[in-house]
């Protein structure tokens, strides 16, 4: 069972809080957060593989990936798509980082990124594009909620460099 990790009315921001450990399915095998203590981790949540904004965001994280590695940081994308979909998306774009499959929405709820959205005039629940920077000690260092796809990777890299 993964703990809920999000702000509350009494704590409007989760920044500075310890991110609970989790193990989830990912391309390349299961990902366990605690196995990566000692280095910063970026989790970027996106709505869907192979859509225009999500492709742009993934390409920008891909293009800056060597800079994230140089800074000692691990990058992972997270969506509710299947591992099969992720494998295809990763191969198509040549992504050098893993993608987490959160079909059940466990991480999405943990990080509170599931929101009501309008799609073709209908209200639907979907992932609000959001990125989280977890520091080497497992604390949430910074978050970008309702972010735009274009430019998000560069903004996150700048924050990683300041750690």
N, C-alpha and C. Protein backbone atom coordinates (compact mmCIF):
# COMPACT_ATOMS: atom_id res chain seq x y z
N UNK A 1 0.85 -1.19 0.00
CA UNK A 1 0.00 0.00 0.00
C UNK A 1 0.88 1.24 0.00
N UNK A 2 0.67 2.13 -0.93
CA UNK A 2 1.44 3.38 -1.01
C UNK A 2 0.72 4.46 -0.23
N UNK A 3 1.48 5.16 0.58
CA UNK A 3 0.90 6.25 1.38
C UNK A 3 0.46 7.40 0.48
N UNK A 4 -0.51 8.16 0.95
CA UNK A 4 -0.89 9.37 0.25
C UNK A 4 0.16 10.43 0.56
N UNK A 5 0.55 11.13 -0.47
CA UNK A 5 1.55 12.18 -0.32
C UNK A 5 1.06 13.39 -1.08
N UNK A 6 0.47 14.31 -0.37
CA UNK A 6 0.00 15.53 -1.02
C UNK A 6 -0.25 16.58 0.04
N UNK A 7 -0.45 17.77 -0.43
CA UNK A 7 -0.73 18.86 0.49
C UNK A 7 -2.13 18.68 1.07
N UNK A 8 -2.35 19.32 2.19
CA UNK A 8 -3.66 19.31 2.83
C UNK A 8 -4.01 20.76 3.16
N UNK A 9 -5.24 21.02 3.60
CA UNK A 9 -5.56 22.40 3.97
C UNK A 9 -4.61 22.97 5.02
N UNK A 10 -4.12 22.13 5.93
CA UNK A 10 -3.21 22.63 6.97
C UNK A 10 -1.77 22.72 6.46
N UNK A 11 -1.43 21.97 5.42
CA UNK A 11 -0.12 22.06 4.79
C UNK A 11 -0.33 22.26 3.29
N UNK A 12 -0.49 23.52 2.86
CA UNK A 12 -0.84 23.80 1.48
C UNK A 12 0.20 23.37 0.45
N UNK A 13 1.42 23.08 0.89
CA UNK A 13 2.44 22.60 -0.02
C UNK A 13 3.11 21.39 0.58
N UNK A 14 3.42 20.41 -0.26
CA UNK A 14 4.12 19.21 0.21
C UNK A 14 5.63 19.39 0.13
N UNK A 15 6.09 20.54 -0.34
CA UNK A 15 7.53 20.79 -0.45
C UNK A 15 8.16 20.67 0.94
N UNK A 16 9.27 19.93 0.98
CA UNK A 16 9.98 19.71 2.24
C UNK A 16 9.55 18.44 2.95
N UNK A 17 8.46 17.82 2.49
CA UNK A 17 7.99 16.57 3.10
C UNK A 17 8.71 15.38 2.49
N UNK A 18 8.83 14.32 3.28
CA UNK A 18 9.43 13.08 2.81
C UNK A 18 8.48 12.38 1.85
N UNK A 19 8.98 11.97 0.71
CA UNK A 19 8.16 11.24 -0.26
C UNK A 19 8.18 9.76 0.15
N UNK A 20 7.03 9.16 0.41
CA UNK A 20 6.99 7.75 0.80
C UNK A 20 7.59 6.85 -0.29
N UNK A 21 8.20 5.77 0.13
CA UNK A 21 8.78 4.84 -0.82
C UNK A 21 7.66 4.17 -1.63
N UNK A 22 7.99 3.78 -2.85
CA UNK A 22 7.05 3.05 -3.69
C UNK A 22 7.82 2.18 -4.68
N UNK A 23 7.16 1.13 -5.12
CA UNK A 23 7.66 0.26 -6.18
C UNK A 23 6.56 0.15 -7.21
N UNK A 24 6.88 0.45 -8.46
CA UNK A 24 5.89 0.48 -9.53
C UNK A 24 6.46 -0.13 -10.81
N UNK A 25 5.58 -0.60 -11.71
CA UNK A 25 6.07 -1.15 -12.98
C UNK A 25 6.58 -0.04 -13.90
N UNK A 26 7.69 -0.32 -14.56
CA UNK A 26 8.28 0.65 -15.47
C UNK A 26 8.95 -0.09 -16.63
N UNK A 27 9.18 0.62 -17.70
CA UNK A 27 9.97 0.04 -18.78
C UNK A 27 11.33 -0.30 -18.16
N UNK A 28 11.90 -1.39 -18.55
CA UNK A 28 13.19 -1.77 -17.98
C UNK A 28 13.07 -2.49 -16.64
N UNK A 29 11.86 -2.75 -16.15
CA UNK A 29 11.66 -3.44 -14.88
C UNK A 29 11.06 -2.55 -13.82
N UNK A 30 10.79 -3.13 -12.66
CA UNK A 30 10.18 -2.36 -11.57
C UNK A 30 11.10 -1.23 -11.11
N UNK A 31 10.47 -0.13 -10.71
CA UNK A 31 11.20 1.02 -10.16
C UNK A 31 10.83 1.17 -8.70
N UNK A 32 11.86 1.24 -7.84
CA UNK A 32 11.67 1.47 -6.41
C UNK A 32 12.39 2.76 -6.05
N UNK A 33 11.65 3.71 -5.52
CA UNK A 33 12.23 5.02 -5.21
C UNK A 33 13.42 4.91 -4.26
N UNK A 34 13.29 4.14 -3.18
CA UNK A 34 14.36 4.08 -2.17
C UNK A 34 15.67 3.51 -2.72
N UNK A 35 15.62 2.76 -3.82
CA UNK A 35 16.83 2.22 -4.43
C UNK A 35 17.69 3.33 -5.04
N UNK A 36 17.13 4.52 -5.13
CA UNK A 36 17.85 5.64 -5.77
C UNK A 36 18.15 6.77 -4.79
N UNK A 37 18.06 6.49 -3.49
CA UNK A 37 18.44 7.50 -2.49
C UNK A 37 19.89 7.89 -2.73
N UNK A 38 20.19 9.13 -2.48
CA UNK A 38 21.54 9.61 -2.70
C UNK A 38 21.68 10.40 -3.99
N UNK A 39 20.62 10.38 -4.82
CA UNK A 39 20.63 11.19 -6.03
C UNK A 39 19.24 11.79 -6.22
N UNK A 40 19.16 12.95 -6.82
CA UNK A 40 17.84 13.54 -7.08
C UNK A 40 17.09 12.72 -8.13
N UNK A 41 15.76 12.76 -8.02
CA UNK A 41 14.88 12.05 -8.95
C UNK A 41 13.81 13.02 -9.43
N UNK A 42 13.62 13.05 -10.74
CA UNK A 42 12.56 13.84 -11.35
C UNK A 42 11.47 12.89 -11.81
N UNK A 43 10.24 13.15 -11.37
CA UNK A 43 9.07 12.43 -11.86
C UNK A 43 8.22 13.44 -12.62
N UNK A 44 8.06 13.21 -13.92
CA UNK A 44 7.17 14.10 -14.66
C UNK A 44 5.95 13.31 -15.10
N UNK A 45 4.78 13.80 -14.69
CA UNK A 45 3.50 13.18 -15.00
C UNK A 45 2.93 13.83 -16.25
N UNK A 46 2.48 12.99 -17.17
CA UNK A 46 1.91 13.51 -18.41
C UNK A 46 0.66 12.72 -18.77
N UNK A 47 -0.26 13.32 -19.53
CA UNK A 47 -1.55 12.67 -19.79
C UNK A 47 -1.51 11.39 -20.62
N UNK A 48 -0.79 11.37 -21.76
CA UNK A 48 -0.93 10.21 -22.65
C UNK A 48 0.23 10.13 -23.65
N UNK A 49 0.71 8.89 -23.84
CA UNK A 49 1.74 8.64 -24.86
C UNK A 49 1.23 9.07 -26.24
N UNK A 50 2.18 9.50 -27.08
CA UNK A 50 1.91 9.78 -28.50
C UNK A 50 0.90 10.89 -28.76
N UNK A 51 0.80 11.84 -27.84
CA UNK A 51 -0.02 13.02 -28.08
C UNK A 51 0.94 14.21 -28.25
N UNK A 52 0.50 15.28 -28.90
CA UNK A 52 1.44 16.35 -29.24
C UNK A 52 2.20 16.95 -28.05
N UNK A 53 1.49 17.38 -27.02
CA UNK A 53 2.17 18.00 -25.87
C UNK A 53 3.07 17.02 -25.14
N UNK A 54 2.62 15.80 -24.98
CA UNK A 54 3.41 14.79 -24.27
C UNK A 54 4.64 14.40 -25.07
N UNK A 55 4.52 14.39 -26.39
CA UNK A 55 5.68 14.11 -27.24
C UNK A 55 6.70 15.23 -27.12
N UNK A 56 6.24 16.47 -27.16
CA UNK A 56 7.15 17.63 -27.00
C UNK A 56 7.89 17.56 -25.67
N UNK A 57 7.16 17.31 -24.60
CA UNK A 57 7.77 17.26 -23.27
C UNK A 57 8.80 16.12 -23.20
N UNK A 58 8.45 14.94 -23.69
CA UNK A 58 9.38 13.80 -23.66
C UNK A 58 10.63 14.09 -24.48
N UNK A 59 10.46 14.71 -25.64
CA UNK A 59 11.61 15.04 -26.49
C UNK A 59 12.54 16.03 -25.79
N UNK A 60 11.97 16.99 -25.07
CA UNK A 60 12.81 17.97 -24.38
C UNK A 60 13.56 17.34 -23.22
N UNK A 61 12.91 16.43 -22.46
CA UNK A 61 13.63 15.70 -21.42
C UNK A 61 14.71 14.82 -22.06
N UNK A 62 14.40 14.22 -23.21
CA UNK A 62 15.38 13.40 -23.93
C UNK A 62 16.59 14.25 -24.34
N UNK A 63 16.32 15.40 -24.92
CA UNK A 63 17.40 16.24 -25.44
C UNK A 63 18.30 16.80 -24.34
N UNK A 64 17.76 16.93 -23.14
CA UNK A 64 18.54 17.44 -22.00
C UNK A 64 19.02 16.32 -21.07
N UNK A 65 18.74 15.07 -21.44
CA UNK A 65 19.03 13.95 -20.55
C UNK A 65 20.49 13.88 -20.13
N UNK A 66 21.42 14.11 -21.04
CA UNK A 66 22.85 14.07 -20.69
C UNK A 66 23.17 15.11 -19.62
N UNK A 67 22.50 16.25 -19.64
CA UNK A 67 22.72 17.28 -18.62
C UNK A 67 22.16 16.85 -17.27
N UNK A 68 21.02 16.15 -17.28
CA UNK A 68 20.47 15.62 -16.03
C UNK A 68 21.42 14.56 -15.45
N UNK A 69 21.94 13.69 -16.30
CA UNK A 69 22.88 12.66 -15.85
C UNK A 69 24.14 13.30 -15.28
N UNK A 70 24.65 14.31 -15.96
CA UNK A 70 25.85 15.02 -15.50
C UNK A 70 25.61 15.62 -14.11
N UNK A 71 24.37 16.04 -13.85
CA UNK A 71 24.01 16.62 -12.54
C UNK A 71 23.69 15.51 -11.52
N UNK A 72 23.80 14.24 -11.93
CA UNK A 72 23.56 13.12 -11.02
C UNK A 72 22.09 12.83 -10.79
N UNK A 73 21.24 13.25 -11.70
CA UNK A 73 19.79 13.17 -11.52
C UNK A 73 19.17 12.10 -12.42
N UNK A 74 18.21 11.39 -11.87
CA UNK A 74 17.44 10.39 -12.59
C UNK A 74 16.12 11.01 -13.03
N UNK A 75 15.72 10.78 -14.28
CA UNK A 75 14.47 11.29 -14.83
C UNK A 75 13.56 10.13 -15.18
N UNK A 76 12.28 10.23 -14.81
CA UNK A 76 11.27 9.23 -15.18
C UNK A 76 9.99 9.93 -15.58
N UNK A 77 9.36 9.42 -16.63
CA UNK A 77 8.04 9.89 -17.03
C UNK A 77 6.98 8.97 -16.43
N UNK A 78 5.82 9.53 -16.11
CA UNK A 78 4.73 8.74 -15.50
C UNK A 78 3.42 9.08 -16.20
N UNK A 79 2.72 8.03 -16.66
CA UNK A 79 1.36 8.21 -17.15
C UNK A 79 0.58 6.94 -16.85
N UNK A 80 -0.70 6.96 -17.19
CA UNK A 80 -1.55 5.79 -16.93
C UNK A 80 -1.56 4.82 -18.11
N UNK A 81 -0.69 5.04 -19.08
CA UNK A 81 -0.59 4.13 -20.22
C UNK A 81 0.03 2.80 -19.80
N UNK A 82 -0.19 1.78 -20.60
CA UNK A 82 0.35 0.44 -20.34
C UNK A 82 1.86 0.40 -20.63
N UNK A 83 2.51 -0.64 -20.11
CA UNK A 83 3.93 -0.83 -20.40
C UNK A 83 4.14 -1.01 -21.91
N UNK A 84 3.23 -1.71 -22.57
CA UNK A 84 3.35 -1.90 -24.02
C UNK A 84 3.33 -0.56 -24.75
N UNK A 85 2.40 0.30 -24.37
CA UNK A 85 2.32 1.64 -24.97
C UNK A 85 3.61 2.42 -24.68
N UNK A 86 4.07 2.35 -23.43
CA UNK A 86 5.30 3.05 -23.04
C UNK A 86 6.50 2.56 -23.85
N UNK A 87 6.60 1.24 -24.03
CA UNK A 87 7.74 0.69 -24.78
C UNK A 87 7.75 1.25 -26.20
N UNK A 88 6.58 1.32 -26.83
CA UNK A 88 6.49 1.87 -28.18
C UNK A 88 6.84 3.35 -28.23
N UNK A 89 6.32 4.12 -27.27
CA UNK A 89 6.58 5.56 -27.19
C UNK A 89 8.07 5.80 -26.96
N UNK A 90 8.65 5.05 -26.06
CA UNK A 90 10.08 5.17 -25.74
C UNK A 90 10.94 4.86 -26.97
N UNK A 91 10.62 3.78 -27.67
CA UNK A 91 11.38 3.40 -28.86
C UNK A 91 11.22 4.42 -29.98
N UNK A 92 9.99 4.87 -30.20
CA UNK A 92 9.70 5.82 -31.28
C UNK A 92 10.50 7.12 -31.11
N UNK A 93 10.60 7.58 -29.85
CA UNK A 93 11.27 8.86 -29.59
C UNK A 93 12.73 8.70 -29.17
N UNK A 94 13.18 7.46 -28.98
CA UNK A 94 14.56 7.24 -28.54
C UNK A 94 14.80 7.79 -27.14
N UNK A 95 13.85 7.55 -26.24
CA UNK A 95 13.98 8.09 -24.88
C UNK A 95 15.02 7.30 -24.10
N UNK A 96 15.99 7.98 -23.48
CA UNK A 96 17.05 7.30 -22.73
C UNK A 96 16.69 7.07 -21.25
N UNK A 97 15.46 7.38 -20.87
CA UNK A 97 15.01 7.21 -19.49
C UNK A 97 13.78 6.31 -19.49
N UNK A 98 13.45 5.81 -18.30
CA UNK A 98 12.34 4.87 -18.17
C UNK A 98 11.01 5.60 -18.00
N UNK A 99 9.95 4.90 -18.35
CA UNK A 99 8.58 5.40 -18.20
C UNK A 99 7.83 4.48 -17.24
N UNK A 100 7.16 5.08 -16.27
CA UNK A 100 6.39 4.34 -15.27
C UNK A 100 4.96 4.20 -15.75
N UNK A 101 4.44 2.97 -15.66
CA UNK A 101 3.06 2.68 -16.01
C UNK A 101 2.22 2.70 -14.74
N UNK A 102 1.35 3.70 -14.63
CA UNK A 102 0.51 3.87 -13.44
C UNK A 102 -0.96 3.64 -13.83
N UNK A 103 -1.22 2.47 -14.39
CA UNK A 103 -2.57 2.16 -14.89
C UNK A 103 -3.63 2.34 -13.81
N UNK A 104 -3.33 1.91 -12.60
CA UNK A 104 -4.29 2.01 -11.50
C UNK A 104 -4.36 3.42 -10.90
N UNK A 105 -3.44 4.29 -11.30
CA UNK A 105 -3.46 5.66 -10.81
C UNK A 105 -2.94 5.83 -9.39
N UNK A 106 -2.19 4.87 -8.89
CA UNK A 106 -1.70 4.93 -7.51
C UNK A 106 -0.77 6.13 -7.30
N UNK A 107 0.23 6.29 -8.18
CA UNK A 107 1.14 7.44 -8.05
C UNK A 107 0.41 8.74 -8.37
N UNK A 108 -0.50 8.69 -9.32
CA UNK A 108 -1.27 9.89 -9.67
C UNK A 108 -2.04 10.42 -8.46
N UNK A 109 -2.63 9.50 -7.69
CA UNK A 109 -3.35 9.91 -6.48
C UNK A 109 -2.36 10.35 -5.39
N UNK A 110 -1.26 9.63 -5.27
CA UNK A 110 -0.25 9.96 -4.26
C UNK A 110 0.27 11.39 -4.44
N UNK A 111 0.49 11.79 -5.68
CA UNK A 111 1.00 13.13 -5.97
C UNK A 111 -0.12 14.11 -6.32
N UNK A 112 -1.37 13.67 -6.23
CA UNK A 112 -2.54 14.53 -6.43
C UNK A 112 -2.52 15.23 -7.79
N UNK A 113 -2.34 14.44 -8.86
CA UNK A 113 -2.31 15.02 -10.20
C UNK A 113 -3.53 14.66 -11.04
N UNK A 114 -4.48 13.91 -10.46
CA UNK A 114 -5.70 13.59 -11.20
C UNK A 114 -6.69 14.73 -10.97
N UNK A 115 -7.11 15.34 -12.06
CA UNK A 115 -7.98 16.51 -11.99
C UNK A 115 -9.12 16.39 -13.00
N UNK A 116 -10.19 17.15 -12.75
CA UNK A 116 -11.26 17.26 -13.73
C UNK A 116 -10.76 18.11 -14.88
N UNK A 117 -10.96 17.61 -16.09
CA UNK A 117 -10.54 18.33 -17.29
C UNK A 117 -11.69 18.33 -18.28
N UNK A 118 -11.66 19.23 -19.22
CA UNK A 118 -12.67 19.27 -20.28
C UNK A 118 -12.07 18.62 -21.53
N UNK A 119 -12.79 17.64 -22.10
CA UNK A 119 -12.37 16.98 -23.32
C UNK A 119 -13.57 16.92 -24.24
N UNK A 120 -13.49 17.65 -25.33
CA UNK A 120 -14.60 17.72 -26.29
C UNK A 120 -15.91 18.12 -25.61
N UNK A 121 -15.81 19.06 -24.69
CA UNK A 121 -16.99 19.58 -24.01
C UNK A 121 -17.50 18.73 -22.86
N UNK A 122 -16.82 17.63 -22.55
CA UNK A 122 -17.22 16.77 -21.44
C UNK A 122 -16.19 16.82 -20.33
N UNK A 123 -16.69 16.73 -19.08
CA UNK A 123 -15.79 16.66 -17.93
C UNK A 123 -15.25 15.23 -17.82
N UNK A 124 -13.94 15.11 -17.75
CA UNK A 124 -13.30 13.80 -17.57
C UNK A 124 -12.20 13.94 -16.52
N UNK A 125 -11.87 12.83 -15.87
CA UNK A 125 -10.73 12.83 -14.96
C UNK A 125 -9.49 12.51 -15.77
N UNK A 126 -8.46 13.30 -15.60
CA UNK A 126 -7.21 13.07 -16.33
C UNK A 126 -6.03 13.59 -15.55
N UNK A 127 -4.86 13.28 -16.05
CA UNK A 127 -3.62 13.73 -15.40
C UNK A 127 -3.36 15.18 -15.75
N UNK A 128 -3.15 15.97 -14.72
CA UNK A 128 -2.72 17.35 -14.90
C UNK A 128 -1.19 17.32 -15.02
N UNK A 129 -0.67 17.78 -16.15
CA UNK A 129 0.77 17.76 -16.40
C UNK A 129 1.50 18.43 -15.22
N UNK A 130 2.29 17.63 -14.52
CA UNK A 130 2.97 18.11 -13.31
C UNK A 130 4.32 17.41 -13.19
N UNK A 131 5.29 18.12 -12.62
CA UNK A 131 6.64 17.57 -12.45
C UNK A 131 7.08 17.79 -11.02
N UNK A 132 7.79 16.78 -10.48
CA UNK A 132 8.24 16.81 -9.09
C UNK A 132 9.72 16.50 -9.02
N UNK A 133 10.43 17.31 -8.26
CA UNK A 133 11.87 17.10 -8.02
C UNK A 133 12.05 16.64 -6.59
N UNK A 134 12.53 15.41 -6.45
CA UNK A 134 12.79 14.80 -5.14
C UNK A 134 14.29 14.87 -4.92
N UNK A 135 14.71 15.41 -3.79
CA UNK A 135 16.15 15.55 -3.56
C UNK A 135 16.80 14.23 -3.15
N UNK A 136 18.10 14.24 -2.98
CA UNK A 136 18.87 13.03 -2.68
C UNK A 136 18.48 12.38 -1.35
N UNK A 137 17.82 13.14 -0.48
CA UNK A 137 17.40 12.63 0.83
C UNK A 137 15.96 12.12 0.83
N UNK A 138 15.30 12.21 -0.33
CA UNK A 138 13.93 11.72 -0.44
C UNK A 138 12.88 12.75 -0.08
N UNK A 139 13.27 14.03 -0.02
CA UNK A 139 12.33 15.10 0.29
C UNK A 139 11.87 15.78 -1.00
N UNK A 140 10.61 16.17 -1.05
CA UNK A 140 10.12 16.91 -2.21
C UNK A 140 10.77 18.29 -2.17
N UNK A 141 11.56 18.58 -3.19
CA UNK A 141 12.29 19.85 -3.25
C UNK A 141 11.51 20.93 -4.00
N UNK A 142 10.86 20.53 -5.10
CA UNK A 142 10.13 21.51 -5.89
C UNK A 142 9.07 20.79 -6.72
N UNK A 143 7.99 21.51 -7.04
CA UNK A 143 6.94 20.95 -7.88
C UNK A 143 6.49 22.00 -8.90
N UNK A 144 6.13 21.51 -10.06
CA UNK A 144 5.59 22.33 -11.14
C UNK A 144 4.24 21.73 -11.47
N UNK A 145 3.16 22.38 -11.04
CA UNK A 145 1.81 21.86 -11.28
C UNK A 145 1.17 22.62 -12.44
N UNK A 146 0.34 21.90 -13.17
CA UNK A 146 -0.36 22.49 -14.32
C UNK A 146 0.64 23.20 -15.24
N UNK A 147 1.76 22.54 -15.46
CA UNK A 147 2.83 23.13 -16.26
C UNK A 147 2.57 22.94 -17.75
N UNK A 148 3.19 23.73 -18.54
CA UNK A 148 3.16 23.58 -19.99
C UNK A 148 4.22 22.55 -20.38
N UNK A 149 3.98 21.83 -21.45
CA UNK A 149 4.94 20.83 -21.93
C UNK A 149 6.23 21.50 -22.38
N UNK A 150 6.11 22.52 -23.19
CA UNK A 150 7.27 23.20 -23.75
C UNK A 150 7.98 24.02 -22.68
N UNK A 151 9.24 23.71 -22.46
CA UNK A 151 10.06 24.46 -21.50
C UNK A 151 10.13 23.85 -20.12
N UNK A 152 9.29 22.86 -19.82
CA UNK A 152 9.29 22.25 -18.49
C UNK A 152 10.63 21.58 -18.18
N UNK A 153 11.18 20.83 -19.13
CA UNK A 153 12.44 20.12 -18.89
C UNK A 153 13.57 21.07 -18.54
N UNK A 154 13.66 22.18 -19.24
CA UNK A 154 14.72 23.16 -18.98
C UNK A 154 14.56 23.80 -17.60
N UNK A 155 13.34 24.12 -17.23
CA UNK A 155 13.08 24.71 -15.90
C UNK A 155 13.47 23.73 -14.80
N UNK A 156 13.17 22.45 -15.01
CA UNK A 156 13.50 21.43 -14.01
C UNK A 156 15.02 21.25 -13.94
N UNK A 157 15.68 21.22 -15.09
CA UNK A 157 17.14 21.09 -15.10
C UNK A 157 17.81 22.25 -14.35
N UNK A 158 17.32 23.45 -14.52
CA UNK A 158 17.87 24.60 -13.81
C UNK A 158 17.73 24.41 -12.29
N UNK A 159 16.61 23.87 -11.84
CA UNK A 159 16.40 23.61 -10.41
C UNK A 159 17.34 22.50 -9.91
N UNK A 160 17.52 21.47 -10.73
CA UNK A 160 18.43 20.37 -10.36
C UNK A 160 19.84 20.91 -10.19
N UNK A 161 20.27 21.77 -11.07
CA UNK A 161 21.63 22.33 -11.00
C UNK A 161 21.85 23.15 -9.74
N UNK A 162 20.78 23.67 -9.14
CA UNK A 162 20.91 24.50 -7.93
C UNK A 162 20.91 23.66 -6.65
N UNK A 163 20.65 22.35 -6.77
CA UNK A 163 20.63 21.49 -5.56
C UNK A 163 22.01 21.42 -4.93
